[in-house]
Protein backbone atom coordinates (compact mmCIF):
# COMPACT_ATOMS: atom_id res chain seq x y z
CA MET A 1 -29.54 -8.83 -14.42
CA GLU A 2 -30.49 -6.68 -11.59
CA ARG A 3 -29.61 -2.86 -12.08
CA ARG A 4 -29.12 -0.96 -8.93
CA ILE A 5 -29.82 2.87 -8.68
CA VAL A 6 -26.93 4.87 -7.30
CA LYS A 7 -27.96 7.65 -5.23
CA ASP A 8 -25.98 10.99 -5.22
CA VAL A 9 -25.55 10.56 -1.45
CA MET A 10 -24.62 7.10 -0.05
CA SER A 11 -24.59 5.28 3.38
CA ILE A 12 -21.81 2.97 4.31
CA LYS A 13 -23.84 0.13 3.08
CA GLU A 14 -24.47 1.70 -0.21
CA LEU A 15 -20.66 2.75 -0.56
CA SER A 16 -19.67 -0.78 0.30
CA GLU A 17 -21.69 -2.31 -2.74
CA TYR A 18 -20.61 0.75 -4.94
CA VAL A 19 -17.08 0.39 -4.53
CA GLY A 20 -16.91 -3.38 -3.58
CA LEU A 21 -15.21 -2.90 -0.20
CA SER A 22 -16.32 -4.46 2.89
CA LYS A 23 -18.04 -1.99 5.42
CA SER A 24 -15.25 -2.68 8.02
CA LYS A 25 -12.63 -1.73 5.36
CA ILE A 26 -14.62 1.45 4.78
CA TYR A 27 -14.63 2.30 8.48
CA GLN A 28 -10.80 1.77 8.49
CA LEU A 29 -10.36 3.91 5.72
CA ILE A 30 -12.49 6.83 7.51
CA ARG A 31 -10.36 6.16 10.76
CA ASN A 32 -7.24 6.60 8.97
CA LYS A 33 -8.56 9.69 6.84
CA ARG A 34 -7.99 7.91 3.69
CA ILE A 35 -11.46 8.26 2.10
CA PRO A 36 -13.56 11.57 1.76
CA ALA A 37 -16.64 11.23 4.06
CA SER A 38 -19.17 13.45 5.83
CA LYS A 39 -20.44 12.68 9.22
CA ILE A 40 -24.17 13.84 9.73
CA GLY A 41 -25.16 13.07 13.27
CA ARG A 42 -23.92 9.41 13.94
CA GLN A 43 -23.95 8.38 10.44
CA TYR A 44 -21.40 8.85 7.65
CA LYS A 45 -22.64 9.69 4.29
CA PHE A 46 -20.51 9.86 0.82
CA SER A 47 -21.00 11.88 -2.12
CA LYS A 48 -20.97 9.93 -5.27
CA GLU A 49 -19.53 12.77 -7.32
CA ILE A 50 -16.65 12.97 -4.68
CA ILE A 51 -16.14 9.37 -4.37
CA ASP A 52 -15.82 8.99 -8.05
CA SER A 53 -13.23 11.77 -8.18
CA TRP A 54 -11.58 9.98 -5.16
CA LEU A 55 -11.35 6.75 -7.10
CA LYS A 56 -9.94 8.36 -10.21
CA GLU A 57 -7.08 9.89 -7.87
CA LYS A 58 -6.27 6.52 -6.45
CA ILE A 59 -5.47 4.89 -10.02
CA ILE A 60 -2.15 3.29 -9.74
CA THR A 61 -0.01 3.41 -13.03
CA CYS A 62 3.54 2.36 -13.48
CA SER A 63 5.98 3.93 -15.97
CA GLY A 64 8.30 1.68 -17.95
CA ASP A 65 11.24 3.67 -16.19
CA VAL A 66 10.14 2.39 -12.90
CA GLN A 67 10.46 -1.22 -13.66
CA MET A 68 13.81 -2.91 -13.72
CA LYS A 69 14.97 -6.04 -15.46
CA LEU A 70 15.30 -9.28 -13.54
CA PRO A 71 18.41 -11.59 -14.16
CA ILE A 72 17.38 -14.55 -16.09
CA GLY A 73 19.98 -17.05 -14.68
CA LYS A 74 21.94 -16.92 -11.41
CA LYS A 75 25.52 -16.32 -12.31
CA GLU A 76 28.52 -16.42 -9.99
CA LYS A 77 29.24 -12.75 -10.20
CA ASP A 78 25.47 -11.94 -9.47
CA ILE A 79 25.52 -14.25 -6.12
CA THR A 80 28.84 -12.52 -5.28
CA ALA A 81 27.29 -9.14 -5.85
CA VAL A 82 24.41 -10.02 -3.64
CA LYS A 83 26.75 -11.29 -0.86
CA ALA A 84 28.87 -8.02 -1.00
CA SER A 85 25.62 -6.09 -0.74
CA LYS A 86 24.61 -7.44 2.65
CA PRO A 87 24.33 -4.98 5.44
CA LYS A 88 27.11 -5.21 8.02
CA LYS A 89 26.83 -4.63 11.80
CA GLU A 90 29.60 -3.37 13.87
CA GLU A 91 30.64 -5.46 16.99
CA VAL A 92 33.14 -4.32 19.57
CA LYS A 93 35.81 -6.87 20.40
CA GLU A 94 37.02 -7.43 23.91
CA ASN A 95 39.92 -5.36 23.51
CA GLY A 96 37.60 -2.12 22.45
CA SER A 97 38.50 -2.35 18.64
CA LYS A 98 35.51 -2.67 16.15
CA LYS A 99 34.94 -5.89 14.28
CA GLU A 100 32.42 -5.93 11.20
CA GLU A 101 30.39 -8.95 10.83
CA GLU A 102 27.61 -9.81 8.22
CA LYS A 103 24.08 -10.08 9.32
CA GLY A 104 22.37 -13.47 8.95
CA SER A 105 25.70 -15.50 8.61
């Protein structure tokens, strides 16, 4: 098993290997200012310590409160509730009064 030495300051290529992202994805993150980078001359450099902190900050966790239970079977009242919650758009009749119509029907 080959063991790579990770430098304290990395290039795009070294960062790509370190975090497992393509070079083009890293450039995209830089353009969108979503990854900490330093530009030295024409090259981007990355501090291993800062990248490690950035990775720790980007950890996504879900609490049990956020998740909701999905219905096991489709019941007629569930289907009715879904139909009732469809957004409506207003349409003006020829006589000037408004008529509501369901989208997607």
